[in-house]
Amino acid sequence: MTTVNLRSNESQEQLLKRFRKRVVKSGVLSTVRRKRWFVSKSELRRMEKKKAARRIKRRQYKTD
């Protein structure tokens, strides 16, 4: 769990900004979004294959 403590002479906006940065850095939101729906192993493998194909295609396009 991500926590931040209010520093002396720190505004609420600064505290909130620091909290958001920590949440993003910890990867909590991306994990929650990814686990929002159940994805079967076969579907996960298929998605990974698609990602890899796009990555390879992008790399080839950059080198040409």
N, C-alpha and C. Protein backbone atom coordinates (compact mmCIF):
# COMPACT_ATOMS: atom_id res chain seq x y z
N MET A 1 0.85 -1.18 0.00
CA MET A 1 0.00 0.00 0.00
C MET A 1 0.89 1.24 0.00
N THR A 2 0.55 2.18 -0.85
CA THR A 2 1.33 3.39 -0.98
C THR A 2 0.85 4.44 0.01
N THR A 3 1.79 4.99 0.77
CA THR A 3 1.45 6.04 1.72
C THR A 3 2.43 7.19 1.59
N VAL A 4 1.95 8.38 1.89
CA VAL A 4 2.80 9.56 1.95
C VAL A 4 2.42 10.34 3.20
N ASN A 5 3.40 10.96 3.81
CA ASN A 5 3.16 11.77 5.00
C ASN A 5 3.31 13.24 4.64
N LEU A 6 2.47 14.05 5.23
CA LEU A 6 2.51 15.48 4.98
C LEU A 6 3.78 16.07 5.60
N ARG A 7 4.56 16.71 4.76
CA ARG A 7 5.78 17.36 5.24
C ARG A 7 5.43 18.75 5.78
N SER A 8 6.34 19.30 6.58
CA SER A 8 6.08 20.65 7.10
C SER A 8 6.10 21.64 5.95
N ASN A 9 5.19 22.59 5.98
CA ASN A 9 5.04 23.62 4.95
C ASN A 9 4.77 23.04 3.56
N GLU A 10 4.06 21.93 3.49
CA GLU A 10 3.71 21.33 2.20
C GLU A 10 2.22 21.48 1.97
N SER A 11 1.84 21.93 0.78
CA SER A 11 0.42 22.12 0.48
C SER A 11 -0.23 20.78 0.15
N GLN A 12 -1.54 20.78 0.15
CA GLN A 12 -2.30 19.57 -0.18
C GLN A 12 -2.05 19.16 -1.62
N GLU A 13 -1.89 20.14 -2.52
CA GLU A 13 -1.64 19.85 -3.93
C GLU A 13 -0.31 19.13 -4.12
N GLN A 14 0.72 19.61 -3.40
CA GLN A 14 2.03 18.98 -3.50
C GLN A 14 1.99 17.55 -2.96
N LEU A 15 1.27 17.38 -1.85
CA LEU A 15 1.12 16.06 -1.25
C LEU A 15 0.42 15.11 -2.22
N LEU A 16 -0.64 15.58 -2.84
CA LEU A 16 -1.39 14.77 -3.79
C LEU A 16 -0.53 14.41 -5.01
N LYS A 17 0.25 15.37 -5.49
CA LYS A 17 1.13 15.13 -6.63
C LYS A 17 2.17 14.06 -6.29
N ARG A 18 2.75 14.15 -5.10
CA ARG A 18 3.73 13.16 -4.65
C ARG A 18 3.11 11.77 -4.53
N PHE A 19 1.87 11.74 -4.02
CA PHE A 19 1.15 10.47 -3.88
C PHE A 19 0.90 9.84 -5.24
N ARG A 20 0.44 10.64 -6.20
CA ARG A 20 0.17 10.13 -7.54
C ARG A 20 1.43 9.56 -8.19
N LYS A 21 2.55 10.25 -8.02
CA LYS A 21 3.81 9.78 -8.58
C LYS A 21 4.19 8.43 -7.99
N ARG A 22 4.00 8.28 -6.69
CA ARG A 22 4.33 7.00 -6.04
C ARG A 22 3.43 5.88 -6.52
N VAL A 23 2.15 6.19 -6.70
CA VAL A 23 1.20 5.18 -7.18
C VAL A 23 1.59 4.72 -8.58
N VAL A 24 1.92 5.66 -9.45
CA VAL A 24 2.31 5.32 -10.82
C VAL A 24 3.59 4.49 -10.80
N LYS A 25 4.55 4.90 -9.98
CA LYS A 25 5.84 4.21 -9.91
C LYS A 25 5.69 2.79 -9.37
N SER A 26 4.77 2.60 -8.44
CA SER A 26 4.58 1.27 -7.86
C SER A 26 3.84 0.33 -8.80
N GLY A 27 3.13 0.87 -9.80
CA GLY A 27 2.43 0.04 -10.78
C GLY A 27 1.10 -0.51 -10.31
N VAL A 28 0.54 0.08 -9.28
CA VAL A 28 -0.72 -0.41 -8.73
C VAL A 28 -1.86 -0.26 -9.74
N LEU A 29 -1.95 0.90 -10.37
CA LEU A 29 -3.06 1.13 -11.31
C LEU A 29 -3.00 0.23 -12.52
N SER A 30 -1.80 0.02 -13.05
CA SER A 30 -1.69 -0.86 -14.22
C SER A 30 -2.07 -2.28 -13.86
N THR A 31 -1.72 -2.71 -12.66
CA THR A 31 -2.09 -4.05 -12.20
C THR A 31 -3.61 -4.17 -12.06
N VAL A 32 -4.22 -3.17 -11.49
CA VAL A 32 -5.68 -3.19 -11.32
C VAL A 32 -6.37 -3.22 -12.67
N ARG A 33 -5.91 -2.40 -13.60
CA ARG A 33 -6.53 -2.38 -14.93
C ARG A 33 -6.36 -3.72 -15.63
N ARG A 34 -5.20 -4.32 -15.48
CA ARG A 34 -4.93 -5.60 -16.14
C ARG A 34 -5.78 -6.72 -15.54
N LYS A 35 -6.03 -6.67 -14.25
CA LYS A 35 -6.77 -7.74 -13.59
C LYS A 35 -8.26 -7.45 -13.45
N ARG A 36 -8.71 -6.41 -14.14
CA ARG A 36 -10.12 -6.03 -14.06
C ARG A 36 -11.03 -7.13 -14.58
N TRP A 37 -10.59 -7.79 -15.66
CA TRP A 37 -11.35 -8.90 -16.24
C TRP A 37 -10.46 -10.12 -16.30
N PHE A 38 -11.07 -11.28 -16.23
CA PHE A 38 -10.32 -12.53 -16.32
C PHE A 38 -9.93 -12.77 -17.77
N VAL A 39 -8.67 -13.12 -17.99
CA VAL A 39 -8.18 -13.45 -19.32
C VAL A 39 -7.57 -14.85 -19.24
N SER A 40 -8.06 -15.75 -20.07
CA SER A 40 -7.57 -17.12 -20.03
C SER A 40 -6.13 -17.18 -20.52
N LYS A 41 -5.45 -18.27 -20.20
CA LYS A 41 -4.04 -18.42 -20.58
C LYS A 41 -3.88 -18.42 -22.10
N SER A 42 -4.78 -19.07 -22.81
CA SER A 42 -4.67 -19.11 -24.27
C SER A 42 -4.86 -17.72 -24.86
N GLU A 43 -5.79 -16.95 -24.31
CA GLU A 43 -6.01 -15.59 -24.77
C GLU A 43 -4.79 -14.72 -24.47
N LEU A 44 -4.19 -14.92 -23.31
CA LEU A 44 -3.00 -14.18 -22.92
C LEU A 44 -1.84 -14.47 -23.87
N ARG A 45 -1.66 -15.75 -24.22
CA ARG A 45 -0.61 -16.13 -25.16
C ARG A 45 -0.85 -15.50 -26.53
N ARG A 46 -2.10 -15.49 -26.97
CA ARG A 46 -2.44 -14.91 -28.26
C ARG A 46 -2.15 -13.41 -28.27
N MET A 47 -2.48 -12.73 -27.18
CA MET A 47 -2.21 -11.30 -27.08
C MET A 47 -0.71 -11.03 -27.08
N GLU A 48 0.06 -11.86 -26.39
CA GLU A 48 1.51 -11.69 -26.36
C GLU A 48 2.12 -11.91 -27.74
N LYS A 49 1.60 -12.88 -28.49
CA LYS A 49 2.08 -13.11 -29.85
C LYS A 49 1.82 -11.89 -30.73
N LYS A 50 0.63 -11.31 -30.61
CA LYS A 50 0.29 -10.12 -31.38
C LYS A 50 1.22 -8.96 -31.03
N LYS A 51 1.49 -8.79 -29.73
CA LYS A 51 2.39 -7.73 -29.28
C LYS A 51 3.77 -7.92 -29.87
N ALA A 52 4.27 -9.15 -29.83
CA ALA A 52 5.60 -9.44 -30.34
C ALA A 52 5.67 -9.17 -31.84
N ALA A 53 4.63 -9.56 -32.56
CA ALA A 53 4.61 -9.33 -34.01
C ALA A 53 4.63 -7.84 -34.32
N ARG A 54 3.86 -7.06 -33.58
CA ARG A 54 3.86 -5.60 -33.78
C ARG A 54 5.23 -5.01 -33.46
N ARG A 55 5.85 -5.50 -32.40
CA ARG A 55 7.17 -5.01 -31.99
C ARG A 55 8.21 -5.30 -33.07
N ILE A 56 8.19 -6.53 -33.61
CA ILE A 56 9.13 -6.92 -34.66
C ILE A 56 8.89 -6.09 -35.91
N LYS A 57 7.63 -5.90 -36.28
CA LYS A 57 7.30 -5.12 -37.46
C LYS A 57 7.77 -3.68 -37.30
N ARG A 58 7.59 -3.12 -36.12
CA ARG A 58 8.02 -1.74 -35.84
C ARG A 58 9.54 -1.62 -35.95
N ARG A 59 10.26 -2.59 -35.43
CA ARG A 59 11.72 -2.58 -35.49
C ARG A 59 12.21 -2.67 -36.92
N GLN A 60 11.57 -3.50 -37.73
CA GLN A 60 11.95 -3.64 -39.13
C GLN A 60 11.68 -2.36 -39.89
N TYR A 61 10.59 -1.70 -39.57
CA TYR A 61 10.22 -0.47 -40.25
C TYR A 61 11.23 0.63 -39.94
N LYS A 62 11.72 0.67 -38.70
CA LYS A 62 12.68 1.70 -38.30
C LYS A 62 14.03 1.50 -38.97
N THR A 63 14.44 0.26 -39.20
CA THR A 63 15.76 -0.01 -39.78
C THR A 63 15.78 0.16 -41.29
N ASP A 64 14.62 0.08 -41.92
CA ASP A 64 14.56 0.22 -43.40
C ASP A 64 14.78 1.64 -43.84
